[in-house]
């Protein structure tokens, strides 16, 4: 089992034409895999009306660090 940080983002467009990612919710979970952590996080976070357009899953276990999986909706 590894620890994963699952972050849900929405991209905000600014009047200047630039965009930035806005963190909506971040959860730290224990799972066997990045996809398992994502499924668990989706079950804990009510996504209705939040307009999530990016999800990031990062392995935060002490032995390994790094982006495990990044997906855009």
PDB file of N, CA and C in Angstrom:
ATOM      1  N   UNK A   1       0.840  -1.179   0.000  1.00  0.00           N
ATOM      2  CA  UNK A   1       0.000   0.000   0.000  1.00  0.00           C
ATOM      3  C   UNK A   1       0.889   1.248   0.000  1.00  0.00           C
ATOM      4  N   UNK A   2       0.475   2.217  -0.777  1.00  0.00           N
ATOM      5  CA  UNK A   2       1.194   3.487  -0.868  1.00  0.00           C
ATOM      6  C   UNK A   2       0.252   4.635  -0.542  1.00  0.00           C
ATOM      7  N   UNK A   3       0.847   5.769  -0.197  1.00  0.00           N
ATOM      8  CA  UNK A   3       0.045   6.977   0.052  1.00  0.00           C
ATOM      9  C   UNK A   3       0.044   7.825  -1.214  1.00  0.00           C
ATOM     10  N   UNK A   4      -1.131   8.336  -1.562  1.00  0.00           N
ATOM     11  CA  UNK A   4      -1.289   9.172  -2.741  1.00  0.00           C
ATOM     12  C   UNK A   4      -2.016  10.458  -2.368  1.00  0.00           C
ATOM     13  N   UNK A   5      -1.637  11.538  -3.008  1.00  0.00           N
ATOM     14  CA  UNK A   5      -2.342  12.813  -2.870  1.00  0.00           C
ATOM     15  C   UNK A   5      -3.112  13.038  -4.170  1.00  0.00           C
ATOM     16  N   UNK A   6      -4.430  13.144  -4.058  1.00  0.00           N
ATOM     17  CA  UNK A   6      -5.294  13.356  -5.216  1.00  0.00           C
ATOM     18  C   UNK A   6      -5.788  14.801  -5.165  1.00  0.00           C
ATOM     19  N   UNK A   7      -5.509  15.564  -6.222  1.00  0.00           N
ATOM     20  CA  UNK A   7      -5.878  16.979  -6.291  1.00  0.00           C
ATOM     21  C   UNK A   7      -6.837  17.205  -7.457  1.00  0.00           C
ATOM     22  N   UNK A   8      -7.913  17.928  -7.179  1.00  0.00           N
ATOM     23  CA  UNK A   8      -8.906  18.269  -8.195  1.00  0.00           C
ATOM     24  C   UNK A   8      -8.777  19.760  -8.508  1.00  0.00           C
ATOM     25  N   UNK A   9      -8.651  20.095  -9.796  1.00  0.00           N
ATOM     26  CA  UNK A   9      -8.436  21.474 -10.222  1.00  0.00           C
ATOM     27  C   UNK A   9      -9.484  21.932 -11.226  1.00  0.00           C
ATOM     28  N   UNK A  10      -9.670  23.244 -11.266  1.00  0.00           N
ATOM     29  CA  UNK A  10     -10.462  23.901 -12.302  1.00  0.00           C
ATOM     30  C   UNK A  10      -9.572  24.988 -12.898  1.00  0.00           C
ATOM     31  N   UNK A  11      -9.540  25.077 -14.219  1.00  0.00           N
ATOM     32  CA  UNK A  11      -8.747  26.106 -14.880  1.00  0.00           C
ATOM     33  C   UNK A  11      -9.561  27.391 -14.951  1.00  0.00           C
ATOM     34  N   UNK A  12      -8.988  28.472 -14.444  1.00  0.00           N
ATOM     35  CA  UNK A  12      -9.650  29.774 -14.476  1.00  0.00           C
ATOM     36  C   UNK A  12      -9.012  30.636 -15.558  1.00  0.00           C
ATOM     37  N   UNK A  13      -9.828  31.268 -16.358  1.00  0.00           N
ATOM     38  CA  UNK A  13      -9.356  32.169 -17.409  1.00  0.00           C
ATOM     39  C   UNK A  13      -9.444  33.604 -16.885  1.00  0.00           C
ATOM     40  N   UNK A  14      -8.370  34.349 -17.058  1.00  0.00           N
ATOM     41  CA  UNK A  14      -8.314  35.734 -16.602  1.00  0.00           C
ATOM     42  C   UNK A  14      -8.603  36.676 -17.763  1.00  0.00           C
ATOM     43  N   UNK A  15      -9.028  37.872 -17.447  1.00  0.00           N
ATOM     44  CA  UNK A  15      -9.337  38.870 -18.474  1.00  0.00           C
ATOM     45  C   UNK A  15      -8.126  39.173 -19.348  1.00  0.00           C
ATOM     46  N   UNK A  16      -6.936  39.004 -18.814  1.00  0.00           N
ATOM     47  CA  UNK A  16      -5.707  39.269 -19.560  1.00  0.00           C
ATOM     48  C   UNK A  16      -5.401  38.186 -20.591  1.00  0.00           C
ATOM     49  N   UNK A  17      -6.201  37.103 -20.584  1.00  0.00           N
ATOM     50  CA  UNK A  17      -5.980  36.018 -21.518  1.00  0.00           C
ATOM     51  C   UNK A  17      -5.184  34.861 -20.932  1.00  0.00           C
ATOM     52  N   UNK A  18      -4.624  35.053 -19.759  1.00  0.00           N
ATOM     53  CA  UNK A  18      -3.874  33.986 -19.098  1.00  0.00           C
ATOM     54  C   UNK A  18      -4.838  33.056 -18.350  1.00  0.00           C
ATOM     55  N   UNK A  19      -4.364  31.864 -18.068  1.00  0.00           N
ATOM     56  CA  UNK A  19      -5.156  30.933 -17.286  1.00  0.00           C
ATOM     57  C   UNK A  19      -4.306  30.367 -16.156  1.00  0.00           C
ATOM     58  N   UNK A  20      -4.990  29.887 -15.120  1.00  0.00           N
ATOM     59  CA  UNK A  20      -4.288  29.279 -13.997  1.00  0.00           C
ATOM     60  C   UNK A  20      -5.149  28.172 -13.413  1.00  0.00           C
ATOM     61  N   UNK A  21      -4.468  27.190 -12.800  1.00  0.00           N
ATOM     62  CA  UNK A  21      -5.184  26.094 -12.150  1.00  0.00           C
ATOM     63  C   UNK A  21      -5.583  26.527 -10.744  1.00  0.00           C
ATOM     64  N   UNK A  22      -6.848  26.288 -10.394  1.00  0.00           N
ATOM     65  CA  UNK A  22      -7.379  26.618  -9.078  1.00  0.00           C
ATOM     66  C   UNK A  22      -7.688  25.307  -8.359  1.00  0.00           C
ATOM     67  N   UNK A  23      -7.049  25.080  -7.218  1.00  0.00           N
ATOM     68  CA  UNK A  23      -7.241  23.856  -6.454  1.00  0.00           C
ATOM     69  C   UNK A  23      -8.622  23.871  -5.807  1.00  0.00           C
ATOM     70  N   UNK A  24      -9.441  22.865  -6.137  1.00  0.00           N
ATOM     71  CA  UNK A  24     -10.777  22.753  -5.555  1.00  0.00           C
ATOM     72  C   UNK A  24     -10.782  21.881  -4.307  1.00  0.00           C
ATOM     73  N   UNK A  25     -10.015  20.793  -4.353  1.00  0.00           N
ATOM     74  CA  UNK A  25      -9.991  19.852  -3.226  1.00  0.00           C
ATOM     75  C   UNK A  25      -8.745  18.997  -3.329  1.00  0.00           C
ATOM     76  N   UNK A  26      -8.180  18.625  -2.185  1.00  0.00           N
ATOM     77  CA  UNK A  26      -6.999  17.766  -2.159  1.00  0.00           C
ATOM     78  C   UNK A  26      -7.196  16.731  -1.054  1.00  0.00           C
ATOM     79  N   UNK A  27      -6.985  15.464  -1.403  1.00  0.00           N
ATOM     80  CA  UNK A  27      -7.168  14.369  -0.453  1.00  0.00           C
ATOM     81  C   UNK A  27      -5.922  13.496  -0.411  1.00  0.00           C
ATOM     82  N   UNK A  28      -5.505  13.067   0.778  1.00  0.00           N
ATOM     83  CA  UNK A  28      -4.413  12.113   0.940  1.00  0.00           C
ATOM     84  C   UNK A  28      -5.030  10.767   1.297  1.00  0.00           C
ATOM     85  N   UNK A  29      -4.729   9.746   0.474  1.00  0.00           N
ATOM     86  CA  UNK A  29      -5.337   8.430   0.637  1.00  0.00           C
ATOM     87  C   UNK A  29      -4.288   7.333   0.548  1.00  0.00           C
ATOM     88  N   UNK A  30      -4.604   6.182   1.118  1.00  0.00           N
ATOM     89  CA  UNK A  30      -3.764   4.995   0.999  1.00  0.00           C
ATOM     90  C   UNK A  30      -4.442   4.045   0.023  1.00  0.00           C
ATOM     91  N   UNK A  31      -3.662   3.537  -0.937  1.00  0.00           N
ATOM     92  CA  UNK A  31      -4.225   2.656  -1.950  1.00  0.00           C
ATOM     93  C   UNK A  31      -3.131   1.764  -2.530  1.00  0.00           C
ATOM     94  N   UNK A  32      -3.547   0.720  -3.235  1.00  0.00           N
ATOM     95  CA  UNK A  32      -2.604  -0.176  -3.911  1.00  0.00           C
ATOM     96  C   UNK A  32      -2.048   0.440  -5.187  1.00  0.00           C
ATOM     97  N   UNK A  33      -2.788   1.390  -5.782  1.00  0.00           N
ATOM     98  CA  UNK A  33      -2.384   1.948  -7.076  1.00  0.00           C
ATOM     99  C   UNK A  33      -2.895   3.379  -7.222  1.00  0.00           C
ATOM    100  N   UNK A  34      -2.328   4.137  -8.166  1.00  0.00           N
ATOM    101  CA  UNK A  34      -2.823   5.493  -8.423  1.00  0.00           C
ATOM    102  C   UNK A  34      -4.287   5.490  -8.853  1.00  0.00           C
ATOM    103  N   UNK A  35      -4.668   4.531  -9.687  1.00  0.00           N
ATOM    104  CA  UNK A  35      -6.059   4.495 -10.148  1.00  0.00           C
ATOM    105  C   UNK A  35      -7.010   4.165  -9.002  1.00  0.00           C
ATOM    106  N   UNK A  36      -6.570   3.322  -8.068  1.00  0.00           N
ATOM    107  CA  UNK A  36      -7.381   3.027  -6.887  1.00  0.00           C
ATOM    108  C   UNK A  36      -7.569   4.247  -6.009  1.00  0.00           C
ATOM    109  N   UNK A  37      -6.513   5.052  -5.874  1.00  0.00           N
ATOM    110  CA  UNK A  37      -6.607   6.292  -5.100  1.00  0.00           C
ATOM    111  C   UNK A  37      -7.568   7.271  -5.767  1.00  0.00           C
ATOM    112  N   UNK A  38      -7.517   7.342  -7.088  1.00  0.00           N
ATOM    113  CA  UNK A  38      -8.412   8.241  -7.824  1.00  0.00           C
ATOM    114  C   UNK A  38      -9.865   7.822  -7.639  1.00  0.00           C
ATOM    115  N   UNK A  39     -10.144   6.541  -7.769  1.00  0.00           N
ATOM    116  CA  UNK A  39     -11.517   6.042  -7.599  1.00  0.00           C
ATOM    117  C   UNK A  39     -12.017   6.343  -6.182  1.00  0.00           C
ATOM    118  N   UNK A  40     -11.168   6.114  -5.177  1.00  0.00           N
ATOM    119  CA  UNK A  40     -11.558   6.391  -3.791  1.00  0.00           C
ATOM    120  C   UNK A  40     -11.813   7.877  -3.582  1.00  0.00           C
ATOM    121  N   UNK A  41     -10.958   8.728  -4.141  1.00  0.00           N
ATOM    122  CA  UNK A  41     -11.115  10.178  -3.987  1.00  0.00           C
ATOM    123  C   UNK A  41     -12.390  10.667  -4.660  1.00  0.00           C
ATOM    124  N   UNK A  42     -12.678  10.127  -5.832  1.00  0.00           N
ATOM    125  CA  UNK A  42     -13.910  10.520  -6.531  1.00  0.00           C
ATOM    126  C   UNK A  42     -15.138  10.159  -5.715  1.00  0.00           C
ATOM    127  N   UNK A  43     -15.071   9.076  -4.957  1.00  0.00           N
ATOM    128  CA  UNK A  43     -16.182   8.684  -4.101  1.00  0.00           C
ATOM    129  C   UNK A  43     -16.350   9.581  -2.885  1.00  0.00           C
ATOM    130  N   UNK A  44     -15.274  10.241  -2.454  1.00  0.00           N
ATOM    131  CA  UNK A  44     -15.321  11.110  -1.277  1.00  0.00           C
ATOM    132  C   UNK A  44     -15.622  12.566  -1.610  1.00  0.00           C
ATOM    133  N   UNK A  45     -15.425  12.960  -2.863  1.00  0.00           N
ATOM    134  CA  UNK A  45     -15.569  14.358  -3.264  1.00  0.00           C
ATOM    135  C   UNK A  45     -16.759  14.499  -4.192  1.00  0.00           C
ATOM    136  N   UNK A  46     -17.774  15.233  -3.762  1.00  0.00           N
ATOM    137  CA  UNK A  46     -18.959  15.465  -4.585  1.00  0.00           C
ATOM    138  C   UNK A  46     -18.590  16.430  -5.697  1.00  0.00           C
ATOM    139  N   UNK A  47     -18.501  15.925  -6.919  1.00  0.00           N
ATOM    140  CA  UNK A  47     -18.016  16.704  -8.048  1.00  0.00           C
ATOM    141  C   UNK A  47     -19.125  17.456  -8.788  1.00  0.00           C
ATOM    142  N   UNK A  48     -20.373  17.244  -8.417  1.00  0.00           N
ATOM    143  CA  UNK A  48     -21.475  17.904  -9.112  1.00  0.00           C
ATOM    144  C   UNK A  48     -21.347  19.420  -8.999  1.00  0.00           C
ATOM    145  N   UNK A  49     -21.378  20.079 -10.130  1.00  0.00           N
ATOM    146  CA  UNK A  49     -21.335  21.534 -10.162  1.00  0.00           C
ATOM    147  C   UNK A  49     -19.970  22.146  -9.945  1.00  0.00           C
ATOM    148  N   UNK A  50     -18.936  21.341  -9.778  1.00  0.00           N
ATOM    149  CA  UNK A  50     -17.613  21.903  -9.487  1.00  0.00           C
ATOM    150  C   UNK A  50     -16.784  22.168 -10.746  1.00  0.00           C
ATOM    151  N   UNK A  51     -17.203  21.630 -11.880  1.00  0.00           N
ATOM    152  CA  UNK A  51     -16.530  21.860 -13.160  1.00  0.00           C
ATOM    153  C   UNK A  51     -15.039  21.520 -13.113  1.00  0.00           C
ATOM    154  N   UNK A  52     -14.713  20.373 -12.577  1.00  0.00           N
ATOM    155  CA  UNK A  52     -13.332  19.893 -12.530  1.00  0.00           C
ATOM    156  C   UNK A  52     -12.855  19.629 -13.945  1.00  0.00           C
ATOM    157  N   UNK A  53     -11.675  20.139 -14.292  1.00  0.00           N
ATOM    158  CA  UNK A  53     -11.137  19.844 -15.621  1.00  0.00           C
ATOM    159  C   UNK A  53      -9.741  19.234 -15.567  1.00  0.00           C
ATOM    160  N   UNK A  54      -9.218  19.001 -14.354  1.00  0.00           N
ATOM    161  CA  UNK A  54      -7.916  18.362 -14.227  1.00  0.00           C
ATOM    162  C   UNK A  54      -7.834  17.654 -12.879  1.00  0.00           C
ATOM    163  N   UNK A  55      -7.304  16.441 -12.894  1.00  0.00           N
ATOM    164  CA  UNK A  55      -7.080  15.670 -11.671  1.00  0.00           C
ATOM    165  C   UNK A  55      -5.627  15.232 -11.678  1.00  0.00           C
ATOM    166  N   UNK A  56      -4.972  15.373 -10.524  1.00  0.00           N
ATOM    167  CA  UNK A  56      -3.568  14.982 -10.413  1.00  0.00           C
ATOM    168  C   UNK A  56      -3.435  13.999  -9.251  1.00  0.00           C
ATOM    169  N   UNK A  57      -2.764  12.883  -9.488  1.00  0.00           N
ATOM    170  CA  UNK A  57      -2.506  11.889  -8.449  1.00  0.00           C
ATOM    171  C   UNK A  57      -0.993  11.795  -8.271  1.00  0.00           C
ATOM    172  N   UNK A  58      -0.518  12.049  -7.047  1.00  0.00           N
ATOM    173  CA  UNK A  58       0.917  12.046  -6.758  1.00  0.00           C
ATOM    174  C   UNK A  58       1.199  11.029  -5.651  1.00  0.00           C
ATOM    175  N   UNK A  59       2.204  10.196  -5.854  1.00  0.00           N
ATOM    176  CA  UNK A  59       2.634   9.247  -4.842  1.00  0.00           C
ATOM    177  C   UNK A  59       3.418  10.010  -3.776  1.00  0.00           C
ATOM    178  N   UNK A  60       2.928  10.014  -2.541  1.00  0.00           N
ATOM    179  CA  UNK A  60       3.596  10.746  -1.460  1.00  0.00           C
ATOM    180  C   UNK A  60       4.168   9.793  -0.415  1.00  0.00           C
ATOM    181  N   UNK A  61       4.326   8.519  -0.768  1.00  0.00           N
ATOM    182  CA  UNK A  61       4.946   7.559   0.136  1.00  0.00           C
ATOM    183  C   UNK A  61       6.385   7.987   0.397  1.00  0.00           C
ATOM    184  N   UNK A  62       6.902   7.753   1.594  1.00  0.00           N
ATOM    185  CA  UNK A  62       8.256   8.197   1.936  1.00  0.00           C
ATOM    186  C   UNK A  62       9.348   7.700   0.990  1.00  0.00           C
ATOM    187  N   UNK A  63       9.239   6.481   0.486  1.00  0.00           N
ATOM    188  CA  UNK A  63      10.298   5.911  -0.348  1.00  0.00           C
ATOM    189  C   UNK A  63      10.297   6.459  -1.775  1.00  0.00           C
ATOM    190  N   UNK A  64       9.129   6.831  -2.288  1.00  0.00           N
ATOM    191  CA  UNK A  64       9.042   7.304  -3.674  1.00  0.00           C
ATOM    192  C   UNK A  64       8.186   8.554  -3.750  1.00  0.00           C
ATOM    193  N   UNK A  65       8.625   9.482  -4.548  1.00  0.00           N
ATOM    194  CA  UNK A  65       7.861  10.702  -4.790  1.00  0.00           C
ATOM    195  C   UNK A  65       7.747  10.890  -6.284  1.00  0.00           C
ATOM    196  N   UNK A  66       6.698  11.552  -6.715  1.00  0.00           N
ATOM    197  CA  UNK A  66       6.548  11.838  -8.126  1.00  0.00           C
ATOM    198  C   UNK A  66       5.109  11.768  -8.566  1.00  0.00           C
ATOM    199  N   UNK A  67       4.856  12.266  -9.735  1.00  0.00           N
ATOM    200  CA  UNK A  67       3.503  12.246 -10.287  1.00  0.00           C
ATOM    201  C   UNK A  67       3.197  10.837 -10.731  1.00  0.00           C
ATOM    202  N   UNK A  68       2.149  10.260 -10.205  1.00  0.00           N
ATOM    203  CA  UNK A  68       1.784   8.890 -10.549  1.00  0.00           C
ATOM    204  C   UNK A  68       0.841   8.870 -11.742  1.00  0.00           C
ATOM    205  N   UNK A  69      -0.021   9.857 -11.812  1.00  0.00           N
ATOM    206  CA  UNK A  69      -1.013   9.855 -12.877  1.00  0.00           C
ATOM    207  C   UNK A  69      -1.640  11.231 -12.944  1.00  0.00           C
ATOM    208  N   UNK A  70      -1.736  11.791 -14.114  1.00  0.00           N
ATOM    209  CA  UNK A  70      -2.414  13.066 -14.304  1.00  0.00           C
ATOM    210  C   UNK A  70      -3.421  12.889 -15.405  1.00  0.00           C
ATOM    211  N   UNK A  71      -4.631  13.337 -15.174  1.00  0.00           N
ATOM    212  CA  UNK A  71      -5.685  13.195 -16.179  1.00  0.00           C
ATOM    213  C   UNK A  71      -6.448  14.484 -16.302  1.00  0.00           C
ATOM    214  N   UNK A  72      -6.877  14.804 -17.501  1.00  0.00           N
ATOM    215  CA  UNK A  72      -7.720  15.966 -17.735  1.00  0.00           C
ATOM    216  C   UNK A  72      -9.075  15.492 -18.203  1.00  0.00           C
ATOM    217  N   UNK A  73     -10.096  16.173 -17.737  1.00  0.00           N
ATOM    218  CA  UNK A  73     -11.463  15.809 -18.129  1.00  0.00           C
ATOM    219  C   UNK A  73     -11.836  16.476 -19.440  1.00  0.00           C
TER     220      UNK A  73
END
